[in-house]
């Protein structure tokens, strides 16, 4: 996840929504999903992160 438009998870969420987030809002990327749990004024306070892409595993034979 890389963009010149944001520097924080809150900034990513705001960019995806196109507005200030509200508790309960959800946004997704290729690898994860974010749910806004709490706002602190105009700032995103608490977010739940859920990985949606399978994580690479270190498999060793033998």
Foldseek 3Di string as FASTA:
>chain_A
DDDPQDDDPLSVQCVQVVHQDDQQDKDDDPFWIKGQHDADVSTRDDIDIGTDDDDDDDDDDD
